[in-house]
């Protein structure tokens, strides 16, 4: 398994290759964001390449062109824009076919197919609800990793285990009753 490419290596590669428009440095900044390196690494593995090849057998210009034209179903595009999946032609055709089948089923059942909400709109509503839930105040969120403090337990009277303990408990009750 190849070692992950370090940011120091990427910076050395950036110094070795000068780009007047600053694209290499902007790509480096992009790779440093949370989750981006893993998503790009995953997308490169799908096509049989590795992020370790960047600057060696995969040029920065090719990498930039590849990254700019990723399909909406790629890990990087899903990270940046979750709704990007629906910008692909294949997904658009599938959603349209699904909507047409739904309309036909409703029409055959005797309903009004014009009242159906398109699948894309329903998905956008679900994504919007998820985003709203992420923005919910922290006071309503319970961290499942925290431990609850143990509830105070009442000391139960200890059951006597032998004759001596039973006699001592009987004497203590008798003293408490006489007082």
Foldseek 3Di string as FASTA:
>chain_A
DDDDDDLVNLVVLPVVDDDVVCLSVVVSVQCPDPPQVVQLQVQQVVVPHGPVCDSPVQDPVNSVVCVVDDQCPGSNNCVVPVLSNCVDPVNVVVQVVVLVVVLVVCVVVPHHSVPDDRPSVVVVVVVVVVVVVVVPDPVVDDDPPDDDPDDDDDDDPDDDDDPVSVVVVVVVVVVVVVD
